[in-house]
Amino acid sequence: MTPERKNVLVFRALPEDLLQRIADRHDVVVADPRRAAERARFDDALPSAHGLIGSSHRIGAAEIETAARLEVVSSISVGVDNYDLAALARRGITLCHTPGVLTETTADTVFALIMCASRRLVELSNHVRDGHWTRNIGEDLFGWDVHGKTLGVLGFGRIGQALARRAALGFGMPVLYHNPFPVELPELAGHATHVPLDELLQRADIVASTLPLLPETRGRMGEREFALMKPGAIFVNGSRGPIVQEAALLAALDSGRLRAAGLDVFSTEPLPLDSPLRTHPSVTPLPHIGSATHETRRAMAELATDNLLRALAGQAPRAAYDLTLPPT
């Protein structure tokens, strides 16, 4: 018996071979709603779609209501905050995501931001590029050591744990972490300590956020929290922009309370041209590249494709998101 062909709406570009895998089994419409020229095609295809696959676009209650035949949403991401979880749960629609395959790459990015912010690597690279390196640099351009410093990790899921391994085992950094519960990891025994948030902020030389975006973490880092950090500490955010109250971060940098910040994520993305974070001399900004390597984005797309095809065939996806949990 020939399997039933269903309708799939691809709302973010996929590698051609993965797109062909889907097209071999189902009828496919490719339409990125973020592009004005493709928005009407997306809207037209949504009511008949059995499956959606993509990322970086909000699929809210209105879109879910419109998609009357929808069975599965396969997100090419770990985070699911772009989806109305309650609306999906009410309809019994399966939501899939891509945990695991981007853990190590994202941890690489966060640790790279720690290195860049502490050693002023981007600033000094531009110093050379702009032709200012005409003699040996003076103390005004010196950076600060990373090895041996205390790292505070906000959130201790897969990425937080991978970051802690890099810091503790590779750079001899004592690690403090704040999490709803302690995590037992034999390889980090004696290297990583579960502590309350305030203690972490007061003791860490570098604070890095790997928190999920939840109602209780939105705006978690504000004026009070930055004031608790050690004078001259560094803050790094590789998780979600809205976790940080950006005005409070800027104030802490301008006052000299914080030495530097490394940011891969922002409250508004892409970062507006008039944002002071874009040109602040103490900020190393990146364009949300946590998982942006050829290998990892390929692995994410493969997992999302597998999830979609398995769900449409009535099989268990490799990575279904539990809709009873908050977004990550």
C-alpha atoms as a PDB file:
ATOM      1  CA  MET A   1       0.000   0.000   0.000  1.00  0.00           C
ATOM      2  CA  THR A   2       1.412   3.353  -1.066  1.00  0.00           C
ATOM      3  CA  PRO A   3       1.867   5.724   1.906  1.00  0.00           C
ATOM      4  CA  GLU A   4      -0.404   8.761   1.827  1.00  0.00           C
ATOM      5  CA  ARG A   5       1.181  11.883   0.357  1.00  0.00           C
ATOM      6  CA  LYS A   6       0.630  14.882   2.581  1.00  0.00           C
ATOM      7  CA  ASN A   7       1.233  18.606   2.284  1.00  0.00           C
ATOM      8  CA  VAL A   8       4.414  20.076   3.743  1.00  0.00           C
ATOM      9  CA  LEU A   9       5.133  23.785   4.066  1.00  0.00           C
ATOM     10  CA  VAL A  10       8.855  24.555   4.301  1.00  0.00           C
ATOM     11  CA  PHE A  11       9.230  28.025   5.807  1.00  0.00           C
ATOM     12  CA  ARG A  12      13.025  28.189   6.040  1.00  0.00           C
ATOM     13  CA  ALA A  13      15.493  27.082   3.360  1.00  0.00           C
ATOM     14  CA  LEU A  14      16.662  23.464   3.528  1.00  0.00           C
ATOM     15  CA  PRO A  15      19.611  21.812   1.755  1.00  0.00           C
ATOM     16  CA  GLU A  16      18.478  20.544  -1.638  1.00  0.00           C
ATOM     17  CA  ASP A  17      18.986  16.865  -0.813  1.00  0.00           C
ATOM     18  CA  LEU A  18      16.880  17.153   2.358  1.00  0.00           C
ATOM     19  CA  LEU A  19      14.191  19.057   0.503  1.00  0.00           C
ATOM     20  CA  GLN A  20      14.186  16.262  -2.079  1.00  0.00           C
ATOM     21  CA  ARG A  21      13.785  13.635   0.687  1.00  0.00           C
ATOM     22  CA  ILE A  22      10.594  15.350   1.731  1.00  0.00           C
ATOM     23  CA  ALA A  23       9.389  15.890  -1.842  1.00  0.00           C
ATOM     24  CA  ASP A  24       9.879  12.192  -2.619  1.00  0.00           C
ATOM     25  CA  ARG A  25       7.146  11.381  -0.071  1.00  0.00           C
ATOM     26  CA  HIS A  26       4.996  14.489   0.146  1.00  0.00           C
ATOM     27  CA  ASP A  27       3.829  17.553  -1.757  1.00  0.00           C
ATOM     28  CA  VAL A  28       6.009  20.503  -0.831  1.00  0.00           C
ATOM     29  CA  VAL A  29       5.590  24.261  -0.865  1.00  0.00           C
ATOM     30  CA  VAL A  30       8.641  26.364   0.002  1.00  0.00           C
ATOM     31  CA  ALA A  31       7.796  29.843   1.256  1.00  0.00           C
ATOM     32  CA  ASP A  32       9.716  31.976   3.734  1.00  0.00           C
ATOM     33  CA  PRO A  33       7.166  34.347   5.307  1.00  0.00           C
ATOM     34  CA  ARG A  34       9.947  36.725   6.347  1.00  0.00           C
ATOM     35  CA  ARG A  35      10.364  37.597   2.667  1.00  0.00           C
ATOM     36  CA  ALA A  36       7.659  39.928   1.396  1.00  0.00           C
ATOM     37  CA  ALA A  37       7.590  38.225  -2.002  1.00  0.00           C
ATOM     38  CA  GLU A  38       6.876  34.828  -0.406  1.00  0.00           C
ATOM     39  CA  ARG A  39       4.425  35.812   2.328  1.00  0.00           C
ATOM     40  CA  ALA A  40       1.303  35.330   0.204  1.00  0.00           C
ATOM     41  CA  ARG A  41       2.472  31.847  -0.858  1.00  0.00           C
ATOM     42  CA  PHE A  42       3.026  30.940   2.809  1.00  0.00           C
ATOM     43  CA  ASP A  43      -0.453  32.191   3.741  1.00  0.00           C
ATOM     44  CA  ASP A  44      -2.033  30.286   0.846  1.00  0.00           C
ATOM     45  CA  ALA A  45      -0.307  27.006   1.739  1.00  0.00           C
ATOM     46  CA  LEU A  46      -0.924  27.143   5.486  1.00  0.00           C
ATOM     47  CA  PRO A  47      -4.589  25.974   5.594  1.00  0.00           C
ATOM     48  CA  SER A  48      -3.827  22.693   3.792  1.00  0.00           C
ATOM     49  CA  ALA A  49      -0.455  21.951   5.411  1.00  0.00           C
ATOM     50  CA  HIS A  50      -0.114  18.693   7.345  1.00  0.00           C
ATOM     51  CA  GLY A  51       3.469  19.490   8.307  1.00  0.00           C
ATOM     52  CA  LEU A  52       5.573  22.602   8.831  1.00  0.00           C
ATOM     53  CA  ILE A  53       9.365  22.687   8.915  1.00  0.00           C
ATOM     54  CA  GLY A  54      11.537  25.743   9.475  1.00  0.00           C
ATOM     55  CA  SER A  55      12.722  28.225  12.066  1.00  0.00           C
ATOM     56  CA  SER A  56      13.046  31.906  13.004  1.00  0.00           C
ATOM     57  CA  HIS A  57       9.395  32.752  12.373  1.00  0.00           C
ATOM     58  CA  ARG A  58       6.606  33.048  14.912  1.00  0.00           C
ATOM     59  CA  ILE A  59       3.906  30.397  14.539  1.00  0.00           C
ATOM     60  CA  GLY A  60       1.251  31.739  16.855  1.00  0.00           C
ATOM     61  CA  ALA A  61      -2.287  30.791  17.771  1.00  0.00           C
ATOM     62  CA  ALA A  62      -3.729  32.471  14.663  1.00  0.00           C
ATOM     63  CA  GLU A  63      -1.466  30.518  12.304  1.00  0.00           C
ATOM     64  CA  ILE A  64      -2.168  27.270  14.137  1.00  0.00           C
ATOM     65  CA  GLU A  65      -5.902  27.916  13.954  1.00  0.00           C
ATOM     66  CA  THR A  66      -5.610  28.602  10.220  1.00  0.00           C
ATOM     67  CA  ALA A  67      -3.672  25.362   9.654  1.00  0.00           C
ATOM     68  CA  ALA A  68      -6.743  23.159  10.079  1.00  0.00           C
ATOM     69  CA  ARG A  69      -5.009  19.965   8.846  1.00  0.00           C
ATOM     70  CA  LEU A  70      -1.758  20.452  10.743  1.00  0.00           C
ATOM     71  CA  GLU A  71      -0.230  17.336  12.361  1.00  0.00           C
ATOM     72  CA  VAL A  72       3.385  18.295  13.081  1.00  0.00           C
ATOM     73  CA  VAL A  73       5.658  21.321  13.365  1.00  0.00           C
ATOM     74  CA  SER A  74       9.348  20.449  12.992  1.00  0.00           C
ATOM     75  CA  SER A  75      11.517  23.309  14.194  1.00  0.00           C
ATOM     76  CA  ILE A  76      15.139  23.602  13.056  1.00  0.00           C
ATOM     77  CA  SER A  77      16.113  24.829  16.508  1.00  0.00           C
ATOM     78  CA  VAL A  78      16.404  23.761  20.112  1.00  0.00           C
ATOM     79  CA  GLY A  79      14.417  26.695  21.460  1.00  0.00           C
ATOM     80  CA  VAL A  80      10.666  26.615  20.884  1.00  0.00           C
ATOM     81  CA  ASP A  81       9.719  30.111  22.052  1.00  0.00           C
ATOM     82  CA  ASN A  82       8.581  30.975  18.496  1.00  0.00           C
ATOM     83  CA  TYR A  83       5.609  28.609  18.835  1.00  0.00           C
ATOM     84  CA  ASP A  84       2.357  28.908  20.765  1.00  0.00           C
ATOM     85  CA  LEU A  85       2.715  25.773  22.854  1.00  0.00           C
ATOM     86  CA  ALA A  86      -0.750  25.978  24.366  1.00  0.00           C
ATOM     87  CA  ALA A  87      -2.384  26.215  20.944  1.00  0.00           C
ATOM     88  CA  LEU A  88      -0.368  23.230  19.683  1.00  0.00           C
ATOM     89  CA  ALA A  89      -1.267  21.207  22.764  1.00  0.00           C
ATOM     90  CA  ARG A  90      -4.977  21.986  22.414  1.00  0.00           C
ATOM     91  CA  ARG A  91      -4.942  20.679  18.867  1.00  0.00           C
ATOM     92  CA  GLY A  92      -2.783  17.655  19.676  1.00  0.00           C
ATOM     93  CA  ILE A  93      -0.165  18.771  17.165  1.00  0.00           C
ATOM     94  CA  THR A  94       3.320  17.285  17.558  1.00  0.00           C
ATOM     95  CA  LEU A  95       6.166  19.770  18.009  1.00  0.00           C
ATOM     96  CA  CYS A  96       9.695  18.617  17.225  1.00  0.00           C
ATOM     97  CA  HIS A  97      13.024  20.367  17.784  1.00  0.00           C
ATOM     98  CA  THR A  98      16.755  19.656  17.500  1.00  0.00           C
ATOM     99  CA  PRO A  99      18.409  19.252  20.908  1.00  0.00           C
ATOM    100  CA  GLY A 100      21.844  17.757  21.300  1.00  0.00           C
ATOM    101  CA  VAL A 101      23.265  18.343  17.830  1.00  0.00           C
ATOM    102  CA  LEU A 102      24.175  21.993  18.504  1.00  0.00           C
ATOM    103  CA  THR A 103      25.354  21.693  22.113  1.00  0.00           C
ATOM    104  CA  GLU A 104      29.092  21.593  21.535  1.00  0.00           C
ATOM    105  CA  THR A 105      29.079  24.231  18.796  1.00  0.00           C
ATOM    106  CA  THR A 106      27.076  26.680  20.880  1.00  0.00           C
ATOM    107  CA  ALA A 107      29.356  26.097  23.862  1.00  0.00           C
ATOM    108  CA  ASP A 108      32.309  26.840  21.562  1.00  0.00           C
ATOM    109  CA  THR A 109      30.705  30.140  20.625  1.00  0.00           C
ATOM    110  CA  VAL A 110      30.009  31.162  24.214  1.00  0.00           C
ATOM    111  CA  PHE A 111      33.550  30.336  25.269  1.00  0.00           C
ATOM    112  CA  ALA A 112      34.894  32.223  22.259  1.00  0.00           C
ATOM    113  CA  LEU A 113      32.922  35.264  23.444  1.00  0.00           C
ATOM    114  CA  ILE A 114      34.495  34.884  26.887  1.00  0.00           C
ATOM    115  CA  MET A 115      37.931  34.868  25.284  1.00  0.00           C
ATOM    116  CA  CYS A 116      37.148  37.797  23.001  1.00  0.00           C
ATOM    117  CA  ALA A 117      35.663  39.968  25.734  1.00  0.00           C
ATOM    118  CA  SER A 118      38.437  39.251  28.207  1.00  0.00           C
ATOM    119  CA  ARG A 119      41.402  39.472  25.834  1.00  0.00           C
ATOM    120  CA  ARG A 120      39.814  42.258  23.710  1.00  0.00           C
ATOM    121  CA  LEU A 121      40.486  40.216  20.581  1.00  0.00           C
ATOM    122  CA  VAL A 122      38.050  41.915  18.200  1.00  0.00           C
ATOM    123  CA  GLU A 123      39.042  45.382  19.397  1.00  0.00           C
ATOM    124  CA  LEU A 124      42.738  44.616  18.954  1.00  0.00           C
ATOM    125  CA  SER A 125      42.206  42.960  15.586  1.00  0.00           C
ATOM    126  CA  ASN A 126      40.527  46.152  14.413  1.00  0.00           C
ATOM    127  CA  HIS A 127      43.431  48.111  15.912  1.00  0.00           C
ATOM    128  CA  VAL A 128      45.697  46.287  13.456  1.00  0.00           C
ATOM    129  CA  ARG A 129      43.283  46.467  10.513  1.00  0.00           C
ATOM    130  CA  ASP A 130      42.790  50.197  10.980  1.00  0.00           C
ATOM    131  CA  GLY A 131      46.530  50.827  10.795  1.00  0.00           C
ATOM    132  CA  HIS A 132      47.017  51.883  14.432  1.00  0.00           C
ATOM    133  CA  TRP A 133      49.600  49.221  15.279  1.00  0.00           C
ATOM    134  CA  THR A 134      52.711  51.305  14.722  1.00  0.00           C
ATOM    135  CA  ARG A 135      54.531  50.312  17.939  1.00  0.00           C
ATOM    136  CA  ASN A 136      54.197  47.816  20.772  1.00  0.00           C
ATOM    137  CA  ILE A 137      50.893  48.258  22.552  1.00  0.00           C
ATOM    138  CA  GLY A 138      50.786  49.783  26.018  1.00  0.00           C
ATOM    139  CA  GLU A 139      48.853  48.820  29.117  1.00  0.00           C
ATOM    140  CA  ASP A 140      45.818  50.747  27.901  1.00  0.00           C
ATOM    141  CA  LEU A 141      45.255  47.928  25.377  1.00  0.00           C
ATOM    142  CA  PHE A 142      46.102  44.964  27.581  1.00  0.00           C
ATOM    143  CA  GLY A 143      43.418  42.346  28.163  1.00  0.00           C
ATOM    144  CA  TRP A 144      42.801  40.076  31.156  1.00  0.00           C
ATOM    145  CA  ASP A 145      43.548  36.408  31.738  1.00  0.00           C
ATOM    146  CA  VAL A 146      40.795  33.827  31.379  1.00  0.00           C
ATOM    147  CA  HIS A 147      42.589  30.798  32.806  1.00  0.00           C
ATOM    148  CA  GLY A 148      42.113  30.414  36.526  1.00  0.00           C
ATOM    149  CA  LYS A 149      39.255  32.909  36.751  1.00  0.00           C
ATOM    150  CA  THR A 150      35.943  31.914  38.309  1.00  0.00           C
ATOM    151  CA  LEU A 151      33.175  31.318  35.776  1.00  0.00           C
ATOM    152  CA  GLY A 152      29.532  31.627  36.769  1.00  0.00           C
ATOM    153  CA  VAL A 153      27.084  29.784  34.510  1.00  0.00           C
ATOM    154  CA  LEU A 154      23.413  30.757  34.570  1.00  0.00           C
ATOM    155  CA  GLY A 155      21.484  27.632  33.585  1.00  0.00           C
ATOM    156  CA  PHE A 156      23.052  24.179  33.574  1.00  0.00           C
ATOM    157  CA  GLY A 157      21.468  22.248  30.752  1.00  0.00           C
ATOM    158  CA  ARG A 158      23.408  20.641  27.918  1.00  0.00           C
ATOM    159  CA  ILE A 159      25.082  23.866  26.778  1.00  0.00           C
ATOM    160  CA  GLY A 160      25.853  25.091  30.287  1.00  0.00           C
ATOM    161  CA  GLN A 161      27.458  21.756  31.115  1.00  0.00           C
ATOM    162  CA  ALA A 162      29.504  21.782  27.891  1.00  0.00           C
ATOM    163  CA  LEU A 163      30.657  25.313  28.690  1.00  0.00           C
ATOM    164  CA  ALA A 164      31.642  24.238  32.209  1.00  0.00           C
ATOM    165  CA  ARG A 165      33.730  21.364  30.829  1.00  0.00           C
ATOM    166  CA  ARG A 166      35.658  23.738  28.583  1.00  0.00           C
ATOM    167  CA  ALA A 167      36.259  26.171  31.411  1.00  0.00           C
ATOM    168  CA  ALA A 168      37.093  23.762  34.217  1.00  0.00           C
ATOM    169  CA  LEU A 169      38.939  21.021  32.366  1.00  0.00           C
ATOM    170  CA  GLY A 170      40.572  23.139  29.664  1.00  0.00           C
ATOM    171  CA  PHE A 171      41.333  26.432  31.411  1.00  0.00           C
ATOM    172  CA  GLY A 172      41.482  25.504  35.075  1.00  0.00           C
ATOM    173  CA  MET A 173      38.540  27.746  35.920  1.00  0.00           C
ATOM    174  CA  PRO A 174      36.509  27.107  39.061  1.00  0.00           C
ATOM    175  CA  VAL A 175      32.853  26.944  37.930  1.00  0.00           C
ATOM    176  CA  LEU A 176      29.811  28.111  39.857  1.00  0.00           C
ATOM    177  CA  TYR A 177      26.400  27.420  38.370  1.00  0.00           C
ATOM    178  CA  HIS A 178      22.850  28.427  39.167  1.00  0.00           C
ATOM    179  CA  ASN A 179      20.111  26.003  38.188  1.00  0.00           C
ATOM    180  CA  PRO A 180      16.750  24.944  39.653  1.00  0.00           C
ATOM    181  CA  PHE A 181      18.465  21.771  40.921  1.00  0.00           C
ATOM    182  CA  PRO A 182      22.032  20.426  41.276  1.00  0.00           C
ATOM    183  CA  VAL A 183      23.387  18.314  38.418  1.00  0.00           C
ATOM    184  CA  GLU A 184      25.691  15.400  39.132  1.00  0.00           C
ATOM    185  CA  LEU A 185      28.405  15.108  36.480  1.00  0.00           C
ATOM    186  CA  PRO A 186      31.305  12.783  37.348  1.00  0.00           C
ATOM    187  CA  GLU A 187      33.715  14.552  34.990  1.00  0.00           C
ATOM    188  CA  LEU A 188      33.057  17.869  36.760  1.00  0.00           C
ATOM    189  CA  ALA A 189      33.153  16.532  40.314  1.00  0.00           C
ATOM    190  CA  GLY A 190      35.115  19.011  42.399  1.00  0.00           C
ATOM    191  CA  HIS A 191      35.121  21.536  39.553  1.00  0.00           C
ATOM    192  CA  ALA A 192      31.527  22.827  39.384  1.00  0.00           C
ATOM    193  CA  THR A 193      29.454  23.978  42.363  1.00  0.00           C
ATOM    194  CA  HIS A 194      25.711  24.644  42.513  1.00  0.00           C
ATOM    195  CA  VAL A 195      25.062  27.982  44.267  1.00  0.00           C
ATOM    196  CA  PRO A 196      22.238  30.531  44.677  1.00  0.00           C
ATOM    197  CA  LEU A 197      22.055  33.259  42.041  1.00  0.00           C
ATOM    198  CA  ASP A 198      23.222  36.093  44.285  1.00  0.00           C
ATOM    199  CA  GLU A 199      26.260  34.149  45.448  1.00  0.00           C
ATOM    200  CA  LEU A 200      27.210  33.338  41.867  1.00  0.00           C
ATOM    201  CA  LEU A 201      26.976  36.981  40.815  1.00  0.00           C
ATOM    202  CA  GLN A 202      29.051  38.141  43.779  1.00  0.00           C
ATOM    203  CA  ARG A 203      31.833  35.569  43.333  1.00  0.00           C
ATOM    204  CA  ALA A 204      32.243  35.062  39.582  1.00  0.00           C
ATOM    205  CA  ASP A 205      34.816  36.957  37.513  1.00  0.00           C
ATOM    206  CA  ILE A 206      32.892  36.063  34.357  1.00  0.00           C
ATOM    207  CA  VAL A 207      29.138  35.372  34.221  1.00  0.00           C
ATOM    208  CA  ALA A 208      27.733  33.539  31.187  1.00  0.00           C
ATOM    209  CA  SER A 209      24.042  32.967  30.495  1.00  0.00           C
ATOM    210  CA  THR A 210      22.881  29.710  28.916  1.00  0.00           C
ATOM    211  CA  LEU A 211      19.342  30.098  30.293  1.00  0.00           C
ATOM    212  CA  PRO A 212      16.182  29.165  28.393  1.00  0.00           C
ATOM    213  CA  LEU A 213      13.700  31.971  27.826  1.00  0.00           C
ATOM    214  CA  LEU A 214      10.859  31.401  30.285  1.00  0.00           C
ATOM    215  CA  PRO A 215       8.466  33.810  31.997  1.00  0.00           C
ATOM    216  CA  GLU A 216      10.651  33.603  35.098  1.00  0.00           C
ATOM    217  CA  THR A 217      13.927  34.188  33.209  1.00  0.00           C
ATOM    218  CA  ARG A 218      12.747  37.074  31.028  1.00  0.00           C
ATOM    219  CA  GLY A 219      14.602  40.155  32.284  1.00  0.00           C
ATOM    220  CA  ARG A 220      16.489  38.035  34.845  1.00  0.00           C
ATOM    221  CA  MET A 221      19.638  40.145  34.487  1.00  0.00           C
ATOM    222  CA  GLY A 222      18.683  43.681  35.461  1.00  0.00           C
ATOM    223  CA  GLU A 223      19.987  46.607  37.493  1.00  0.00           C
ATOM    224  CA  ARG A 224      19.997  44.662  40.766  1.00  0.00           C
ATOM    225  CA  GLU A 225      21.825  41.668  39.321  1.00  0.00           C
ATOM    226  CA  PHE A 226      24.492  43.696  37.535  1.00  0.00           C
ATOM    227  CA  ALA A 227      25.066  45.699  40.724  1.00  0.00           C
ATOM    228  CA  LEU A 228      25.771  42.445  42.576  1.00  0.00           C
ATOM    229  CA  MET A 229      28.512  41.410  40.146  1.00  0.00           C
ATOM    230  CA  LYS A 230      32.142  41.927  41.095  1.00  0.00           C
ATOM    231  CA  PRO A 231      33.653  45.244  40.008  1.00  0.00           C
ATOM    232  CA  GLY A 232      35.439  44.604  36.722  1.00  0.00           C
ATOM    233  CA  ALA A 233      33.506  41.414  35.973  1.00  0.00           C
ATOM    234  CA  ILE A 234      32.554  40.339  32.447  1.00  0.00           C
ATOM    235  CA  PHE A 235      29.080  39.316  31.295  1.00  0.00           C
ATOM    236  CA  VAL A 236      28.416  37.015  28.327  1.00  0.00           C
ATOM    237  CA  ASN A 237      25.034  36.078  26.863  1.00  0.00           C
ATOM    238  CA  GLY A 238      24.774  33.148  24.466  1.00  0.00           C
ATOM    239  CA  SER A 239      21.188  32.125  25.204  1.00  0.00           C
ATOM    240  CA  ARG A 240      18.271  34.529  24.583  1.00  0.00           C
ATOM    241  CA  GLY A 241      18.337  38.312  24.339  1.00  0.00           C
ATOM    242  CA  PRO A 242      15.248  39.094  26.463  1.00  0.00           C
ATOM    243  CA  ILE A 243      16.902  37.484  29.492  1.00  0.00           C
ATOM    244  CA  VAL A 244      18.908  40.720  29.772  1.00  0.00           C
ATOM    245  CA  GLN A 245      17.549  44.176  30.506  1.00  0.00           C
ATOM    246  CA  GLU A 246      19.763  45.903  27.984  1.00  0.00           C
ATOM    247  CA  ALA A 247      19.474  49.390  29.471  1.00  0.00           C
ATOM    248  CA  ALA A 248      20.704  48.012  32.798  1.00  0.00           C
ATOM    249  CA  LEU A 249      23.617  46.269  31.084  1.00  0.00           C
ATOM    250  CA  LEU A 250      24.612  49.475  29.318  1.00  0.00           C
ATOM    251  CA  ALA A 251      24.444  51.412  32.573  1.00  0.00           C
ATOM    252  CA  ALA A 252      26.689  48.850  34.278  1.00  0.00           C
ATOM    253  CA  LEU A 253      29.202  49.101  31.433  1.00  0.00           C
ATOM    254  CA  ASP A 254      29.115  52.898  31.316  1.00  0.00           C
ATOM    255  CA  SER A 255      29.606  53.188  35.065  1.00  0.00           C
ATOM    256  CA  GLY A 256      32.621  50.885  34.919  1.00  0.00           C
ATOM    257  CA  ARG A 257      30.953  48.321  37.164  1.00  0.00           C
ATOM    258  CA  LEU A 258      31.379  45.768  34.379  1.00  0.00           C
ATOM    259  CA  ARG A 259      34.585  45.590  32.390  1.00  0.00           C
ATOM    260  CA  ALA A 260      33.126  44.108  29.224  1.00  0.00           C
ATOM    261  CA  ALA A 261      30.268  42.127  27.676  1.00  0.00           C
ATOM    262  CA  GLY A 262      30.119  39.537  24.924  1.00  0.00           C
ATOM    263  CA  LEU A 263      26.688  39.206  23.318  1.00  0.00           C
ATOM    264  CA  ASP A 264      25.477  36.770  20.679  1.00  0.00           C
ATOM    265  CA  VAL A 265      21.797  37.544  21.260  1.00  0.00           C
ATOM    266  CA  PHE A 266      19.701  40.671  21.698  1.00  0.00           C
ATOM    267  CA  SER A 267      16.181  41.686  22.609  1.00  0.00           C
ATOM    268  CA  THR A 268      15.588  42.799  19.011  1.00  0.00           C
ATOM    269  CA  GLU A 269      17.261  40.904  16.174  1.00  0.00           C
ATOM    270  CA  PRO A 270      18.842  41.849  13.893  1.00  0.00           C
ATOM    271  CA  LEU A 271      20.331  44.462  16.221  1.00  0.00           C
ATOM    272  CA  PRO A 272      18.972  47.903  15.226  1.00  0.00           C
ATOM    273  CA  LEU A 273      21.540  50.251  13.733  1.00  0.00           C
ATOM    274  CA  ASP A 274      20.812  52.833  16.415  1.00  0.00           C
ATOM    275  CA  SER A 275      21.373  50.405  19.313  1.00  0.00           C
ATOM    276  CA  PRO A 276      24.231  51.613  21.538  1.00  0.00           C
ATOM    277  CA  LEU A 277      25.244  47.978  21.989  1.00  0.00           C
ATOM    278  CA  ARG A 278      26.360  47.882  18.361  1.00  0.00           C
ATOM    279  CA  THR A 279      29.214  50.342  18.825  1.00  0.00           C
ATOM    280  CA  HIS A 280      29.848  50.339  22.568  1.00  0.00           C
ATOM    281  CA  PRO A 281      33.619  50.059  23.096  1.00  0.00           C
ATOM    282  CA  SER A 282      33.197  47.465  25.871  1.00  0.00           C
ATOM    283  CA  VAL A 283      30.832  45.193  23.945  1.00  0.00           C
ATOM    284  CA  THR A 284      31.746  42.355  21.589  1.00  0.00           C
ATOM    285  CA  PRO A 285      28.545  41.808  19.564  1.00  0.00           C
ATOM    286  CA  LEU A 286      27.880  38.818  17.310  1.00  0.00           C
ATOM    287  CA  PRO A 287      24.942  38.232  14.915  1.00  0.00           C
ATOM    288  CA  HIS A 288      23.363  35.267  16.791  1.00  0.00           C
ATOM    289  CA  ILE A 289      25.825  32.678  15.484  1.00  0.00           C
ATOM    290  CA  GLY A 290      25.725  30.201  18.385  1.00  0.00           C
ATOM    291  CA  SER A 291      25.080  27.186  16.151  1.00  0.00           C
ATOM    292  CA  ALA A 292      26.118  28.756  12.848  1.00  0.00           C
ATOM    293  CA  THR A 293      28.655  26.331  11.477  1.00  0.00           C
ATOM    294  CA  HIS A 294      28.239  24.323   8.278  1.00  0.00           C
ATOM    295  CA  GLU A 295      28.418  21.033  10.164  1.00  0.00           C
ATOM    296  CA  THR A 296      25.976  21.912  12.917  1.00  0.00           C
ATOM    297  CA  ARG A 297      23.358  23.603  10.768  1.00  0.00           C
ATOM    298  CA  ARG A 298      23.456  20.544   8.497  1.00  0.00           C
ATOM    299  CA  ALA A 299      22.965  18.240  11.493  1.00  0.00           C
ATOM    300  CA  MET A 300      20.053  20.366  12.720  1.00  0.00           C
ATOM    301  CA  ALA A 301      18.380  20.277   9.305  1.00  0.00           C
ATOM    302  CA  GLU A 302      18.850  16.500   9.061  1.00  0.00           C
ATOM    303  CA  LEU A 303      17.305  15.929  12.482  1.00  0.00           C
ATOM    304  CA  ALA A 304      14.400  18.259  11.722  1.00  0.00           C
ATOM    305  CA  THR A 305      13.769  16.456   8.420  1.00  0.00           C
ATOM    306  CA  ASP A 306      13.834  13.059  10.127  1.00  0.00           C
ATOM    307  CA  ASN A 307      11.454  14.348  12.803  1.00  0.00           C
ATOM    308  CA  LEU A 308       9.014  15.628  10.195  1.00  0.00           C
ATOM    309  CA  LEU A 309       8.999  12.507   8.046  1.00  0.00           C
ATOM    310  CA  ARG A 310       8.640  10.148  10.986  1.00  0.00           C
ATOM    311  CA  ALA A 311       5.778  12.157  12.505  1.00  0.00           C
ATOM    312  CA  LEU A 312       3.892  12.327   9.198  1.00  0.00           C
ATOM    313  CA  ALA A 313       4.310   8.561   8.842  1.00  0.00           C
ATOM    314  CA  GLY A 314       2.769   8.000  12.266  1.00  0.00           C
ATOM    315  CA  GLN A 315       6.099   7.059  13.840  1.00  0.00           C
ATOM    316  CA  ALA A 316       7.755   8.524  16.931  1.00  0.00           C
ATOM    317  CA  PRO A 317      10.043  11.440  16.023  1.00  0.00           C
ATOM    318  CA  ARG A 318      13.640  11.348  17.195  1.00  0.00           C
ATOM    319  CA  ALA A 319      13.151  14.574  19.179  1.00  0.00           C
ATOM    320  CA  ALA A 320       9.598  15.526  20.073  1.00  0.00           C
ATOM    321  CA  TYR A 321       9.159  18.450  22.447  1.00  0.00           C
ATOM    322  CA  ASP A 322       7.081  17.785  25.548  1.00  0.00           C
ATOM    323  CA  LEU A 323       4.285  20.354  25.263  1.00  0.00           C
ATOM    324  CA  THR A 324       3.633  20.146  28.982  1.00  0.00           C
ATOM    325  CA  LEU A 325       6.989  21.858  29.564  1.00  0.00           C
ATOM    326  CA  PRO A 326       7.738  25.604  29.251  1.00  0.00           C
ATOM    327  CA  PRO A 327       9.617  26.818  26.143  1.00  0.00           C
ATOM    328  CA  THR A 328      13.412  26.507  26.053  1.00  0.00           C
END
